[in-house]
Amino acid sequence: MIHPIDVFFWTIRKNEKDVVNLYNSLSPIMQLATGGSMLNFGYWKENISDPISAQEHLCSYFGKLAELENAKNVIDVGSGLSAPAIFWRDNYEKINLFCININYNQLSFSGPQKNIEFLNSTSTKLPFADKSIDRVLALESSQHFKPLIDFILESKRILKKDGLLVLALPVTMQNASIMKLGILKFTWSSEHYGLQHVRKLVNSHGFTISDEELIGKNVYAPLANYYIKNRTELKKSILQKYPNYVEQILYKSILKMKKASEQKTIDYVVLKCKI
């Protein structure tokens, strides 16, 4: 049973324990809505019409950008239910993956995996030696890292000289305001990092952004359109485990997310960063 007052305080405070509670309580909604275990919004291109394909496409695009074909030791920080890591492991057989997650329940979801180690740790104190890692990946997770600067500094510490930090995260734009975000101010259960803020943190703490893409138009609206089109069936699945008000809030948030994206109030950035 989800108590609204708990969700309210989790969303307002957003400390690590609150994020764990939010994901334990609400991430099954994503699983019910998509039929899979990836928790990202997906990258919806012209020929993609279902969430699992969109999520796998985002993982594929992200892996290519991160040049995983040339990497050996890779960490996935904020690894969720480990589905992206399993996807990369299956597509890049030479890499050793380390899933880092503060949420122990999520780490234990997939069970033992070949060439994947699971580490229960915070994103701001990574349990690796200096200059020992080829890639630090944060696929739709760094919006929860607080303070983000500590994660960036830790990434710089553990990355080899030719290593890469690759991020994908929702961001607010310069015209963002409480009025324009509306319900997202409360249901967007992460830090609302601005794009300029993220760029500044990365560039001023030892990294250079070598690639940047804003892909929000292929993330928010297509996902919202999928939910709107299939709401009747999706609602039936969600109501098997959640009260009606949860689905109502989800639906209103999705509509607002689409509008905020179309108004360029929010976007979704992918960054490739070199030391």
Protein backbone atom coordinates (compact mmCIF):
# COMPACT_ATOMS: atom_id res chain seq x y z
CA MET A 1 0.00 0.00 0.00
CA ILE A 2 1.43 3.38 -1.01
CA HIS A 3 0.61 6.24 1.35
CA PRO A 4 0.48 9.61 -0.45
CA ILE A 5 2.08 11.41 2.49
CA ASP A 6 5.11 9.10 2.27
CA VAL A 7 5.49 9.72 -1.46
CA PHE A 8 5.18 13.47 -0.86
CA PHE A 9 8.04 13.54 1.65
CA TRP A 10 10.19 11.17 -0.41
CA THR A 11 9.80 13.48 -3.39
CA ILE A 12 10.45 16.68 -1.44
CA ARG A 13 13.52 15.46 0.47
CA LYS A 14 15.08 13.29 -2.26
CA ASN A 15 17.86 11.87 -0.07
CA GLU A 16 19.29 8.45 -0.92
CA LYS A 17 16.90 6.58 1.37
CA ASP A 18 13.95 8.45 -0.15
CA VAL A 19 15.06 7.56 -3.68
CA VAL A 20 15.32 3.89 -2.67
CA ASN A 21 11.81 4.00 -1.20
CA LEU A 22 10.44 5.70 -4.30
CA TYR A 23 11.93 3.16 -6.67
CA ASN A 24 10.89 0.20 -4.55
CA SER A 25 7.33 1.52 -4.47
CA LEU A 26 6.91 2.95 -7.97
CA SER A 27 9.32 1.26 -10.40
CA PRO A 28 6.94 -1.73 -10.78
CA ILE A 29 4.63 0.72 -12.59
CA MET A 30 7.24 1.01 -15.33
CA GLN A 31 7.53 -2.77 -15.48
CA LEU A 32 3.75 -3.14 -15.75
CA ALA A 33 3.54 -0.45 -18.43
CA THR A 34 6.39 -1.81 -20.55
CA GLY A 35 6.39 -5.54 -19.85
CA GLY A 36 10.16 -5.43 -19.22
CA SER A 37 12.76 -4.60 -16.59
CA MET A 38 14.41 -1.52 -18.07
CA LEU A 39 13.46 1.64 -16.22
CA ASN A 40 14.47 4.26 -18.79
CA PHE A 41 12.14 6.35 -20.98
CA GLY A 42 13.50 4.92 -24.22
CA TYR A 43 14.74 6.50 -27.45
CA TRP A 44 11.81 6.44 -29.86
CA LYS A 45 12.82 6.64 -33.50
CA GLU A 46 10.48 6.52 -36.51
CA ASN A 47 10.26 2.74 -36.75
CA ILE A 48 9.80 2.13 -32.99
CA SER A 49 6.31 1.77 -31.57
CA ASP A 50 6.70 -0.12 -28.26
CA PRO A 51 8.58 0.76 -25.06
CA ILE A 52 10.88 -2.27 -24.89
CA SER A 53 12.21 -1.59 -28.39
CA ALA A 54 12.66 2.10 -27.48
CA GLN A 55 14.51 1.22 -24.28
CA GLU A 56 16.80 -1.23 -26.05
CA HIS A 57 17.46 1.36 -28.75
CA LEU A 58 18.50 3.87 -26.08
CA CYS A 59 20.87 1.29 -24.56
CA SER A 60 22.31 0.48 -27.99
CA TYR A 61 22.82 4.15 -28.86
CA PHE A 62 24.35 4.81 -25.43
CA GLY A 63 26.72 1.84 -25.71
CA LYS A 64 27.99 2.97 -29.12
CA LEU A 65 28.50 6.52 -27.88
CA ALA A 66 30.47 5.14 -24.93
CA GLU A 67 32.67 3.13 -27.32
CA LEU A 68 32.11 -0.03 -25.31
CA GLU A 69 33.74 -2.08 -28.07
CA ASN A 70 37.07 -0.60 -26.93
CA ALA A 71 36.50 -0.93 -23.18
CA LYS A 72 37.33 -3.60 -20.63
CA ASN A 73 36.31 -2.45 -17.14
CA VAL A 74 32.97 -0.63 -17.17
CA ILE A 75 30.81 0.59 -14.29
CA ASP A 76 27.09 1.30 -14.55
CA VAL A 77 26.22 3.72 -11.76
CA GLY A 78 22.59 3.72 -10.68
CA SER A 79 22.10 0.45 -12.53
CA GLY A 80 18.42 -0.08 -11.73
CA LEU A 81 17.32 -3.66 -12.24
CA SER A 82 20.52 -4.32 -14.24
CA ALA A 83 18.71 -4.83 -17.55
CA PRO A 84 20.90 -2.28 -19.42
CA ALA A 85 24.07 -3.92 -18.07
CA ILE A 86 22.85 -7.34 -19.22
CA PHE A 87 22.07 -5.83 -22.64
CA TRP A 88 25.60 -4.38 -22.93
CA ARG A 89 27.19 -7.60 -21.68
CA ASP A 90 25.36 -9.55 -24.39
CA ASN A 91 26.44 -7.09 -27.10
CA TYR A 92 30.02 -6.49 -25.93
CA GLU A 93 31.36 -9.83 -24.76
CA LYS A 94 34.84 -8.59 -23.80
CA ILE A 95 33.76 -6.11 -21.13
CA ASN A 96 33.65 -6.65 -17.37
CA LEU A 97 30.67 -4.83 -15.91
CA PHE A 98 30.15 -3.54 -12.38
CA CYS A 99 26.60 -2.55 -11.42
CA ILE A 100 26.64 0.15 -8.72
CA ASN A 101 23.40 0.79 -6.87
CA ILE A 102 22.45 2.18 -3.46
CA ASN A 103 19.29 0.06 -3.72
CA TYR A 104 20.09 -3.50 -2.61
CA ASN A 105 16.65 -4.81 -3.63
CA GLN A 106 17.27 -3.74 -7.21
CA LEU A 107 20.77 -5.22 -7.24
CA SER A 108 19.44 -8.64 -6.26
CA PHE A 109 16.63 -8.59 -8.85
CA SER A 110 18.38 -10.32 -11.75
CA GLY A 111 20.35 -12.92 -9.81
CA PRO A 112 23.99 -13.89 -10.61
CA GLN A 113 25.20 -12.88 -14.07
CA LYS A 114 28.24 -13.82 -16.14
CA ASN A 115 30.83 -10.99 -16.34
CA ILE A 116 28.72 -8.73 -14.11
CA GLU A 117 29.46 -7.88 -10.48
CA PHE A 118 26.93 -6.18 -8.23
CA LEU A 119 28.11 -3.60 -5.69
CA ASN A 120 25.86 -1.93 -3.11
CA SER A 121 27.38 1.54 -2.98
CA THR A 122 26.61 5.23 -3.28
CA SER A 123 27.37 7.13 -6.48
CA THR A 124 29.42 9.72 -4.60
CA LYS A 125 31.98 7.28 -3.13
CA LEU A 126 32.78 4.69 -5.78
CA PRO A 127 34.65 1.59 -4.51
CA PHE A 128 37.41 1.52 -7.12
CA ALA A 129 41.12 2.36 -7.22
CA ASP A 130 42.42 5.50 -8.91
CA LYS A 131 42.70 5.29 -12.70
CA SER A 132 41.35 1.72 -12.88
CA ILE A 133 38.17 2.08 -14.97
CA ASP A 134 37.68 2.52 -18.72
CA ARG A 135 34.08 3.75 -18.72
CA VAL A 136 31.74 5.30 -16.16
CA LEU A 137 28.14 5.07 -17.37
CA ALA A 138 25.07 6.71 -15.86
CA LEU A 139 22.06 5.95 -18.02
CA GLU A 140 19.09 7.95 -16.74
CA SER A 141 20.33 7.82 -13.16
CA SER A 142 22.57 10.83 -12.48
CA GLN A 143 19.51 13.07 -12.03
CA HIS A 144 19.28 11.36 -8.61
CA PHE A 145 22.93 11.85 -7.61
CA LYS A 146 23.34 14.48 -4.94
CA PRO A 147 25.61 16.34 -4.90
CA LEU A 148 26.28 15.69 -8.58
CA ILE A 149 29.72 17.29 -8.31
CA ASP A 150 30.88 14.48 -6.00
CA PHE A 151 29.93 11.86 -8.59
CA ILE A 152 31.78 13.78 -11.31
CA LEU A 153 34.90 14.08 -9.15
CA GLU A 154 34.76 10.38 -8.25
CA SER A 155 34.41 9.50 -11.94
CA LYS A 156 37.49 11.58 -12.75
CA ARG A 157 39.44 9.88 -9.96
CA ILE A 158 38.76 6.29 -11.06
CA LEU A 159 38.88 6.77 -14.84
CA LYS A 160 42.01 6.00 -16.81
CA LYS A 161 43.60 8.81 -18.79
CA ASP A 162 41.73 7.77 -21.95
CA GLY A 163 38.54 6.85 -20.09
CA LEU A 164 35.06 8.19 -20.74
CA LEU A 165 32.22 9.44 -18.56
CA VAL A 166 28.90 9.05 -20.41
CA LEU A 167 25.64 10.44 -19.07
CA ALA A 168 22.00 10.42 -20.15
CA LEU A 169 19.53 12.37 -18.04
CA PRO A 170 16.42 14.55 -18.06
CA VAL A 171 17.24 18.25 -17.66
CA THR A 172 15.37 21.50 -17.29
CA MET A 173 15.95 24.34 -19.72
CA GLN A 174 16.45 28.05 -19.08
CA ASN A 175 12.74 28.86 -19.30
CA ALA A 176 11.79 26.30 -16.64
CA SER A 177 9.68 27.58 -13.73
CA ILE A 178 7.31 26.12 -11.15
CA MET A 179 4.41 27.36 -13.26
CA LYS A 180 5.69 25.69 -16.43
CA LEU A 181 6.67 22.44 -14.71
CA GLY A 182 3.31 22.22 -12.94
CA ILE A 183 2.67 18.76 -11.51
CA LEU A 184 6.13 17.65 -12.64
CA LYS A 185 7.60 19.80 -9.89
CA PHE A 186 6.28 17.20 -7.47
CA THR A 187 6.01 13.99 -9.50
CA TRP A 188 9.41 14.30 -11.22
CA SER A 189 11.03 12.39 -8.37
CA SER A 190 14.64 13.48 -8.88
CA GLU A 191 16.78 16.59 -8.79
CA HIS A 192 15.75 19.08 -11.47
CA TYR A 193 19.23 19.75 -12.83
CA GLY A 194 19.42 22.43 -15.50
CA LEU A 195 21.32 21.74 -18.70
CA GLN A 196 23.64 24.71 -18.17
CA HIS A 197 24.35 23.56 -14.62
CA VAL A 198 25.30 20.06 -15.76
CA ARG A 199 27.56 21.42 -18.51
CA LYS A 200 29.27 23.76 -16.05
CA LEU A 201 29.91 21.01 -13.48
CA VAL A 202 31.40 18.69 -16.09
CA ASN A 203 33.56 21.31 -17.81
CA SER A 204 34.88 22.88 -14.61
CA HIS A 205 35.92 19.65 -12.90
CA GLY A 206 38.37 17.99 -15.21
CA PHE A 207 36.28 16.92 -18.22
CA THR A 208 35.65 18.13 -21.74
CA ILE A 209 32.33 17.40 -23.41
CA SER A 210 33.19 15.79 -26.73
CA ASP A 211 29.62 14.91 -27.72
CA GLU A 212 26.29 16.37 -26.66
CA GLU A 213 22.85 15.50 -28.02
CA LEU A 214 19.44 16.72 -26.94
CA ILE A 215 16.99 13.93 -27.77
CA GLY A 216 13.96 14.98 -25.74
CA LYS A 217 11.67 15.12 -28.78
CA ASN A 218 12.37 11.40 -29.31
CA VAL A 219 11.83 10.58 -25.64
CA TYR A 220 8.94 12.36 -23.93
CA ALA A 221 6.23 12.86 -26.55
CA PRO A 222 6.47 9.37 -28.13
CA LEU A 223 6.36 7.75 -24.68
CA ALA A 224 3.36 9.88 -23.73
CA ASN A 225 1.61 9.07 -27.00
CA TYR A 226 2.14 5.36 -26.40
CA TYR A 227 0.59 5.59 -22.94
CA ILE A 228 -2.35 7.68 -24.16
CA LYS A 229 -3.05 5.27 -27.01
CA ASN A 230 -2.85 2.19 -24.80
CA ARG A 231 -4.14 3.66 -21.56
CA THR A 232 -7.16 1.39 -21.21
CA GLU A 233 -5.11 -1.79 -21.19
CA LEU A 234 -2.21 -0.31 -19.25
CA LYS A 235 -4.58 1.03 -16.62
CA LYS A 236 -6.02 -2.46 -16.08
CA SER A 237 -2.54 -3.82 -15.40
CA ILE A 238 -1.59 -0.98 -13.07
CA LEU A 239 -4.82 -1.21 -11.06
CA GLN A 240 -4.03 -4.83 -10.23
CA LYS A 241 -1.28 -3.58 -7.90
CA TYR A 242 -1.94 0.13 -7.33
CA PRO A 243 -4.93 2.26 -6.27
CA ASN A 244 -6.71 4.31 -8.91
CA TYR A 245 -5.28 7.64 -7.77
CA VAL A 246 -1.75 6.45 -8.60
CA GLU A 247 -2.69 5.88 -12.23
CA GLN A 248 -4.53 9.21 -12.35
CA ILE A 249 -1.43 11.08 -11.12
CA LEU A 250 0.74 9.12 -13.56
CA TYR A 251 -1.54 10.02 -16.47
CA LYS A 252 -1.61 13.74 -15.59
CA SER A 253 2.17 13.73 -15.19
CA ILE A 254 2.63 12.11 -18.59
CA LEU A 255 0.43 14.73 -20.24
CA LYS A 256 2.37 17.50 -18.53
CA MET A 257 5.67 15.88 -19.47
CA LYS A 258 4.67 15.90 -23.13
CA LYS A 259 3.58 19.54 -22.98
CA ALA A 260 6.73 20.62 -21.13
CA SER A 261 8.86 18.89 -23.76
CA GLU A 262 6.98 20.55 -26.63
CA GLN A 263 7.42 23.93 -24.90
CA LYS A 264 11.17 23.26 -24.50
CA THR A 265 10.85 23.49 -20.72
CA ILE A 266 12.48 20.08 -20.31
CA ASP A 267 14.80 18.08 -22.52
CA TYR A 268 16.88 14.91 -22.35
CA VAL A 269 20.62 15.23 -22.77
CA VAL A 270 23.26 12.64 -23.61
CA LEU A 271 26.85 13.64 -22.85
CA LYS A 272 30.16 12.01 -23.71
CA CYS A 273 32.94 13.42 -21.55
CA LYS A 274 36.72 13.02 -21.79
CA ILE A 275 39.37 13.81 -19.21
